PDB file of N, CA and C in Angstrom:
ATOM      1  N   MET A   1      78.966 -47.416  17.084  1.00  0.00           N
ATOM      2  CA  MET A   1      78.825 -48.835  17.375  1.00  0.00           C
ATOM      3  C   MET A   1      77.395 -49.107  17.833  1.00  0.00           C
ATOM      4  N   THR A   2      76.773 -50.095  17.242  1.00  0.00           N
ATOM      5  CA  THR A   2      75.425 -50.502  17.624  1.00  0.00           C
ATOM      6  C   THR A   2      75.450 -51.977  18.001  1.00  0.00           C
ATOM      7  N   GLU A   3      74.954 -52.289  19.188  1.00  0.00           N
ATOM      8  CA  GLU A   3      74.864 -53.679  19.616  1.00  0.00           C
ATOM      9  C   GLU A   3      73.541 -54.262  19.136  1.00  0.00           C
ATOM     10  N   VAL A   4      73.613 -55.441  18.552  1.00  0.00           N
ATOM     11  CA  VAL A   4      72.426 -56.175  18.126  1.00  0.00           C
ATOM     12  C   VAL A   4      72.122 -57.177  19.241  1.00  0.00           C
ATOM     13  N   VAL A   5      70.892 -57.132  19.773  1.00  0.00           N
ATOM     14  CA  VAL A   5      70.544 -58.011  20.888  1.00  0.00           C
ATOM     15  C   VAL A   5      69.498 -59.042  20.471  1.00  0.00           C
ATOM     16  N   MET A   6      69.512 -60.159  21.189  1.00  0.00           N
ATOM     17  CA  MET A   6      68.497 -61.190  20.969  1.00  0.00           C
ATOM     18  C   MET A   6      67.148 -60.596  21.350  1.00  0.00           C
ATOM     19  N   PRO A   7      66.216 -60.507  20.386  1.00  0.00           N
ATOM     20  CA  PRO A   7      64.917 -59.893  20.690  1.00  0.00           C
ATOM     21  C   PRO A   7      63.993 -60.845  21.443  1.00  0.00           C
ATOM     22  N   ARG A   8      63.028 -60.264  22.116  1.00  0.00           N
ATOM     23  CA  ARG A   8      61.973 -61.057  22.755  1.00  0.00           C
ATOM     24  C   ARG A   8      60.905 -61.314  21.698  1.00  0.00           C
ATOM     25  N   MET A   9      60.635 -62.583  21.430  1.00  0.00           N
ATOM     26  CA  MET A   9      59.711 -62.952  20.366  1.00  0.00           C
ATOM     27  C   MET A   9      58.308 -63.254  20.885  1.00  0.00           C
ATOM     28  N   GLY A  10      58.102 -63.116  22.175  1.00  0.00           N
ATOM     29  CA  GLY A  10      56.795 -63.347  22.775  1.00  0.00           C
ATOM     30  C   GLY A  10      56.920 -63.251  24.284  1.00  0.00           C
ATOM     31  N   GLU A  11      55.814 -63.043  24.954  1.00  0.00           N
ATOM     32  CA  GLU A  11      55.862 -62.843  26.401  1.00  0.00           C
ATOM     33  C   GLU A  11      56.441 -64.025  27.158  1.00  0.00           C
ATOM     34  N   THR A  12      56.246 -65.236  26.649  1.00  0.00           N
ATOM     35  CA  THR A  12      56.721 -66.415  27.362  1.00  0.00           C
ATOM     36  C   THR A  12      58.042 -66.949  26.811  1.00  0.00           C
ATOM     37  N   VAL A  13      58.645 -66.238  25.861  1.00  0.00           N
ATOM     38  CA  VAL A  13      59.892 -66.688  25.255  1.00  0.00           C
ATOM     39  C   VAL A  13      61.056 -65.968  25.928  1.00  0.00           C
ATOM     40  N   ASP A  14      61.942 -66.744  26.567  1.00  0.00           N
ATOM     41  CA  ASP A  14      63.051 -66.156  27.310  1.00  0.00           C
ATOM     42  C   ASP A  14      64.406 -66.337  26.643  1.00  0.00           C
ATOM     43  N   GLU A  15      64.456 -67.096  25.533  1.00  0.00           N
ATOM     44  CA  GLU A  15      65.714 -67.332  24.846  1.00  0.00           C
ATOM     45  C   GLU A  15      65.467 -67.615  23.376  1.00  0.00           C
ATOM     46  N   GLY A  16      66.534 -67.535  22.595  1.00  0.00           N
ATOM     47  CA  GLY A  16      66.439 -67.827  21.171  1.00  0.00           C
ATOM     48  C   GLY A  16      67.723 -68.480  20.692  1.00  0.00           C
ATOM     49  N   THR A  17      67.622 -69.179  19.570  1.00  0.00           N
ATOM     50  CA  THR A  17      68.766 -69.865  18.970  1.00  0.00           C
ATOM     51  C   THR A  17      69.092 -69.209  17.639  1.00  0.00           C
ATOM     52  N   VAL A  18      70.369 -68.930  17.409  1.00  0.00           N
ATOM     53  CA  VAL A  18      70.783 -68.408  16.109  1.00  0.00           C
ATOM     54  C   VAL A  18      70.770 -69.569  15.131  1.00  0.00           C
ATOM     55  N   ASN A  19      69.844 -69.517  14.167  1.00  0.00           N
ATOM     56  CA  ASN A  19      69.760 -70.575  13.155  1.00  0.00           C
ATOM     57  C   ASN A  19      70.753 -70.359  12.026  1.00  0.00           C
ATOM     58  N   GLU A  20      70.886 -69.093  11.581  1.00  0.00           N
ATOM     59  CA  GLU A  20      71.748 -68.810  10.437  1.00  0.00           C
ATOM     60  C   GLU A  20      72.099 -67.326  10.395  1.00  0.00           C
ATOM     61  N   TRP A  21      73.362 -67.042  10.141  1.00  0.00           N
ATOM     62  CA  TRP A  21      73.798 -65.672   9.860  1.00  0.00           C
ATOM     63  C   TRP A  21      73.772 -65.482   8.352  1.00  0.00           C
ATOM     64  N   PHE A  22      73.155 -64.400   7.884  1.00  0.00           N
ATOM     65  CA  PHE A  22      73.121 -64.091   6.456  1.00  0.00           C
ATOM     66  C   PHE A  22      74.316 -63.237   6.047  1.00  0.00           C
ATOM     67  N   LYS A  23      74.986 -62.639   7.014  1.00  0.00           N
ATOM     68  CA  LYS A  23      76.160 -61.792   6.787  1.00  0.00           C
ATOM     69  C   LYS A  23      77.315 -62.317   7.627  1.00  0.00           C
ATOM     70  N   GLN A  24      78.537 -61.978   7.208  1.00  0.00           N
ATOM     71  CA  GLN A  24      79.734 -62.362   7.940  1.00  0.00           C
ATOM     72  C   GLN A  24      80.461 -61.110   8.404  1.00  0.00           C
ATOM     73  N   VAL A  25      81.371 -61.265   9.359  1.00  0.00           N
ATOM     74  CA  VAL A  25      82.150 -60.139   9.852  1.00  0.00           C
ATOM     75  C   VAL A  25      82.853 -59.468   8.677  1.00  0.00           C
ATOM     76  N   GLY A  26      82.757 -58.145   8.623  1.00  0.00           N
ATOM     77  CA  GLY A  26      83.364 -57.375   7.540  1.00  0.00           C
ATOM     78  C   GLY A  26      82.395 -57.026   6.433  1.00  0.00           C
ATOM     79  N   ASP A  27      81.223 -57.678   6.408  1.00  0.00           N
ATOM     80  CA  ASP A  27      80.218 -57.396   5.373  1.00  0.00           C
ATOM     81  C   ASP A  27      79.483 -56.091   5.686  1.00  0.00           C
ATOM     82  N   ALA A  28      79.181 -55.353   4.623  1.00  0.00           N
ATOM     83  CA  ALA A  28      78.334 -54.173   4.754  1.00  0.00           C
ATOM     84  C   ALA A  28      76.892 -54.623   4.966  1.00  0.00           C
ATOM     85  N   VAL A  29      76.173 -53.905   5.820  1.00  0.00           N
ATOM     86  CA  VAL A  29      74.762 -54.186   6.059  1.00  0.00           C
ATOM     87  C   VAL A  29      73.977 -52.888   5.917  1.00  0.00           C
ATOM     88  N   THR A  30      72.743 -53.031   5.474  1.00  0.00           N
ATOM     89  CA  THR A  30      71.852 -51.889   5.312  1.00  0.00           C
ATOM     90  C   THR A  30      70.699 -52.035   6.287  1.00  0.00           C
ATOM     91  N   GLU A  31      70.353 -50.949   6.933  1.00  0.00           N
ATOM     92  CA  GLU A  31      69.242 -50.974   7.888  1.00  0.00           C
ATOM     93  C   GLU A  31      68.015 -51.621   7.259  1.00  0.00           C
ATOM     94  N   GLY A  32      67.446 -52.592   7.956  1.00  0.00           N
ATOM     95  CA  GLY A  32      66.231 -53.248   7.494  1.00  0.00           C
ATOM     96  C   GLY A  32      66.454 -54.531   6.716  1.00  0.00           C
ATOM     97  N   GLU A  33      67.673 -54.764   6.212  1.00  0.00           N
ATOM     98  CA  GLU A  33      67.903 -56.001   5.466  1.00  0.00           C
ATOM     99  C   GLU A  33      68.103 -57.156   6.440  1.00  0.00           C
ATOM    100  N   PRO A  34      67.731 -58.374   6.057  1.00  0.00           N
ATOM    101  CA  PRO A  34      67.880 -59.524   6.954  1.00  0.00           C
ATOM    102  C   PRO A  34      69.337 -59.744   7.349  1.00  0.00           C
ATOM    103  N   LEU A  35      69.574 -59.852   8.645  1.00  0.00           N
ATOM    104  CA  LEU A  35      70.910 -60.044   9.184  1.00  0.00           C
ATOM    105  C   LEU A  35      71.130 -61.488   9.623  1.00  0.00           C
ATOM    106  N   LEU A  36      70.108 -62.060  10.262  1.00  0.00           N
ATOM    107  CA  LEU A  36      70.195 -63.429  10.738  1.00  0.00           C
ATOM    108  C   LEU A  36      68.803 -63.989  10.943  1.00  0.00           C
ATOM    109  N   GLU A  37      68.743 -65.305  11.135  1.00  0.00           N
ATOM    110  CA  GLU A  37      67.489 -65.960  11.481  1.00  0.00           C
ATOM    111  C   GLU A  37      67.644 -66.559  12.863  1.00  0.00           C
ATOM    112  N   ILE A  38      66.650 -66.292  13.714  1.00  0.00           N
ATOM    113  CA  ILE A  38      66.642 -66.912  15.029  1.00  0.00           C
ATOM    114  C   ILE A  38      65.439 -67.833  15.144  1.00  0.00           C
ATOM    115  N   GLY A  39      65.575 -68.799  16.018  1.00  0.00           N
ATOM    116  CA  GLY A  39      64.487 -69.736  16.255  1.00  0.00           C
ATOM    117  C   GLY A  39      64.162 -69.811  17.732  1.00  0.00           C
ATOM    118  N   THR A  40      62.889 -69.991  18.010  1.00  0.00           N
ATOM    119  CA  THR A  40      62.434 -70.230  19.379  1.00  0.00           C
ATOM    120  C   THR A  40      61.612 -71.509  19.346  1.00  0.00           C
ATOM    121  N   ASP A  41      61.072 -71.878  20.481  1.00  0.00           N
ATOM    122  CA  ASP A  41      60.237 -73.082  20.499  1.00  0.00           C
ATOM    123  C   ASP A  41      58.926 -72.864  19.751  1.00  0.00           C
ATOM    124  N   LYS A  42      58.618 -71.606  19.394  1.00  0.00           N
ATOM    125  CA  LYS A  42      57.361 -71.304  18.722  1.00  0.00           C
ATOM    126  C   LYS A  42      57.504 -70.930  17.245  1.00  0.00           C
ATOM    127  N   VAL A  43      58.598 -70.225  16.868  1.00  0.00           N
ATOM    128  CA  VAL A  43      58.688 -69.695  15.511  1.00  0.00           C
ATOM    129  C   VAL A  43      60.146 -69.423  15.123  1.00  0.00           C
ATOM    130  N   ASP A  44      60.438 -69.460  13.818  1.00  0.00           N
ATOM    131  CA  ASP A  44      61.712 -69.013  13.268  1.00  0.00           C
ATOM    132  C   ASP A  44      61.465 -67.665  12.591  1.00  0.00           C
ATOM    133  N   THR A  45      62.357 -66.697  12.837  1.00  0.00           N
ATOM    134  CA  THR A  45      62.138 -65.337  12.357  1.00  0.00           C
ATOM    135  C   THR A  45      63.427 -64.717  11.854  1.00  0.00           C
ATOM    136  N   GLU A  46      63.342 -64.003  10.724  1.00  0.00           N
ATOM    137  CA  GLU A  46      64.476 -63.221  10.245  1.00  0.00           C
ATOM    138  C   GLU A  46      64.543 -61.923  11.037  1.00  0.00           C
ATOM    139  N   ILE A  47      65.747 -61.564  11.455  1.00  0.00           N
ATOM    140  CA  ILE A  47      65.959 -60.334  12.214  1.00  0.00           C
ATOM    141  C   ILE A  47      66.685 -59.344  11.303  1.00  0.00           C
ATOM    142  N   PRO A  48      66.124 -58.135  11.129  1.00  0.00           N
ATOM    143  CA  PRO A  48      66.758 -57.148  10.256  1.00  0.00           C
ATOM    144  C   PRO A  48      67.887 -56.401  10.974  1.00  0.00           C
ATOM    145  N   ALA A  49      68.808 -55.874  10.177  1.00  0.00           N
ATOM    146  CA  ALA A  49      69.855 -55.022  10.725  1.00  0.00           C
ATOM    147  C   ALA A  49      69.216 -53.747  11.273  1.00  0.00           C
ATOM    148  N   PRO A  50      69.571 -53.336  12.492  1.00  0.00           N
ATOM    149  CA  PRO A  50      68.957 -52.141  13.075  1.00  0.00           C
ATOM    150  C   PRO A  50      69.525 -50.835  12.511  1.00  0.00           C
ATOM    151  N   VAL A  51      70.716 -50.902  11.916  1.00  0.00           N
ATOM    152  CA  VAL A  51      71.380 -49.713  11.360  1.00  0.00           C
ATOM    153  C   VAL A  51      72.157 -50.105  10.110  1.00  0.00           C
ATOM    154  N   THR A  52      72.575 -49.102   9.332  1.00  0.00           N
ATOM    155  CA  THR A  52      73.471 -49.314   8.203  1.00  0.00           C
ATOM    156  C   THR A  52      74.905 -49.203   8.706  1.00  0.00           C
ATOM    157  N   GLY A  53      75.760 -50.107   8.246  1.00  0.00           N
ATOM    158  CA  GLY A  53      77.160 -50.079   8.660  1.00  0.00           C
ATOM    159  C   GLY A  53      77.880 -51.332   8.220  1.00  0.00           C
ATOM    160  N   VAL A  54      78.864 -51.733   9.020  1.00  0.00           N
ATOM    161  CA  VAL A  54      79.657 -52.932   8.749  1.00  0.00           C
ATOM    162  C   VAL A  54      79.521 -53.868   9.945  1.00  0.00           C
ATOM    163  N   LEU A  55      79.262 -55.143   9.666  1.00  0.00           N
ATOM    164  CA  LEU A  55      79.173 -56.133  10.735  1.00  0.00           C
ATOM    165  C   LEU A  55      80.576 -56.331  11.302  1.00  0.00           C
ATOM    166  N   ALA A  56      80.810 -55.804  12.496  1.00  0.00           N
ATOM    167  CA  ALA A  56      82.147 -55.792  13.084  1.00  0.00           C
ATOM    168  C   ALA A  56      82.439 -57.033  13.923  1.00  0.00           C
ATOM    169  N   GLU A  57      81.389 -57.621  14.507  1.00  0.00           N
ATOM    170  CA  GLU A  57      81.612 -58.735  15.424  1.00  0.00           C
ATOM    171  C   GLU A  57      80.362 -59.600  15.502  1.00  0.00           C
ATOM    172  N   ILE A  58      80.558 -60.907  15.491  1.00  0.00           N
ATOM    173  CA  ILE A  58      79.484 -61.867  15.760  1.00  0.00           C
ATOM    174  C   ILE A  58      79.832 -62.532  17.081  1.00  0.00           C
ATOM    175  N   ARG A  59      78.986 -62.346  18.071  1.00  0.00           N
ATOM    176  CA  ARG A  59      79.271 -62.884  19.410  1.00  0.00           C
ATOM    177  C   ARG A  59      78.577 -64.209  19.697  1.00  0.00           C
ATOM    178  N   VAL A  60      77.544 -64.540  18.923  1.00  0.00           N
ATOM    179  CA  VAL A  60      76.815 -65.795  19.122  1.00  0.00           C
ATOM    180  C   VAL A  60      76.810 -66.537  17.793  1.00  0.00           C
ATOM    181  N   GLN A  61      77.356 -67.737  17.794  1.00  0.00           N
ATOM    182  CA  GLN A  61      77.491 -68.512  16.565  1.00  0.00           C
ATOM    183  C   GLN A  61      76.215 -69.296  16.254  1.00  0.00           C
ATOM    184  N   GLN A  62      76.112 -69.757  15.008  1.00  0.00           N
ATOM    185  CA  GLN A  62      74.980 -70.583  14.599  1.00  0.00           C
ATOM    186  C   GLN A  62      74.870 -71.789  15.524  1.00  0.00           C
ATOM    187  N   GLY A  63      73.641 -72.075  15.924  1.00  0.00           N
ATOM    188  CA  GLY A  63      73.384 -73.213  16.794  1.00  0.00           C
ATOM    189  C   GLY A  63      73.406 -72.884  18.275  1.00  0.00           C
ATOM    190  N   GLU A  64      73.909 -71.706  18.630  1.00  0.00           N
ATOM    191  CA  GLU A  64      73.949 -71.317  20.041  1.00  0.00           C
ATOM    192  C   GLU A  64      72.613 -70.729  20.480  1.00  0.00           C
ATOM    193  N   THR A  65      72.217 -71.047  21.709  1.00  0.00           N
ATOM    194  CA  THR A  65      70.995 -70.520  22.306  1.00  0.00           C
ATOM    195  C   THR A  65      71.392 -69.588  23.441  1.00  0.00           C
ATOM    196  N   VAL A  66      70.802 -68.379  23.431  1.00  0.00           N
ATOM    197  CA  VAL A  66      71.135 -67.381  24.456  1.00  0.00           C
ATOM    198  C   VAL A  66      69.862 -66.706  24.957  1.00  0.00           C
ATOM    199  N   PRO A  67      69.922 -66.133  26.160  1.00  0.00           N
ATOM    200  CA  PRO A  67      68.756 -65.428  26.701  1.00  0.00           C
ATOM    201  C   PRO A  67      68.422 -64.163  25.911  1.00  0.00           C
ATOM    202  N   VAL A  68      67.166 -63.763  25.968  1.00  0.00           N
ATOM    203  CA  VAL A  68      66.715 -62.495  25.396  1.00  0.00           C
ATOM    204  C   VAL A  68      67.568 -61.371  25.979  1.00  0.00           C
ATOM    205  N   ALA A  69      67.874 -60.374  25.158  1.00  0.00           N
ATOM    206  CA  ALA A  69      68.654 -59.175  25.506  1.00  0.00           C
ATOM    207  C   ALA A  69      70.154 -59.405  25.510  1.00  0.00           C
ATOM    208  N   THR A  70      70.628 -60.621  25.198  1.00  0.00           N
ATOM    209  CA  THR A  70      72.055 -60.876  25.061  1.00  0.00           C
ATOM    210  C   THR A  70      72.562 -60.186  23.796  1.00  0.00           C
ATOM    211  N   VAL A  71      73.719 -59.558  23.865  1.00  0.00           N
ATOM    212  CA  VAL A  71      74.325 -58.954  22.676  1.00  0.00           C
ATOM    213  C   VAL A  71      74.835 -60.089  21.788  1.00  0.00           C
ATOM    214  N   ILE A  72      74.315 -60.139  20.544  1.00  0.00           N
ATOM    215  CA  ILE A  72      74.693 -61.217  19.641  1.00  0.00           C
ATOM    216  C   ILE A  72      75.632 -60.764  18.530  1.00  0.00           C
ATOM    217  N   ALA A  73      75.687 -59.446  18.298  1.00  0.00           N
ATOM    218  CA  ALA A  73      76.565 -58.917  17.252  1.00  0.00           C
ATOM    219  C   ALA A  73      76.777 -57.425  17.470  1.00  0.00           C
ATOM    220  N   VAL A  74      77.780 -56.881  16.747  1.00  0.00           N
ATOM    221  CA  VAL A  74      78.073 -55.455  16.802  1.00  0.00           C
ATOM    222  C   VAL A  74      78.207 -54.945  15.382  1.00  0.00           C
ATOM    223  N   ILE A  75      77.541 -53.820  15.100  1.00  0.00           N
ATOM    224  CA  ILE A  75      77.634 -53.158  13.790  1.00  0.00           C
ATOM    225  C   ILE A  75      78.277 -51.797  14.009  1.00  0.00           C
ATOM    226  N   ASN A  76      79.292 -51.502  13.200  1.00  0.00           N
ATOM    227  CA  ASN A  76      79.937 -50.183  13.256  1.00  0.00           C
ATOM    228  C   ASN A  76      79.496 -49.352  12.079  1.00  0.00           C
TER     229      ASN A  76
END
């Protein structure tokens, strides 16, 4: 099990918003492929899957804003 966390996108950025999930629960993911897009007050960025596996859980839905380091998904 690998937890996917909201990354820090800059020294002054303390939170991010999930703009779009590119994968759904149950989908296979490959390390490095785009998993979701997050947005901050400065930039929108695609976040790659950290490991190869299956997206087991999405904990933060599109449109939700959460602090950096929050677990946003789980890959098995």
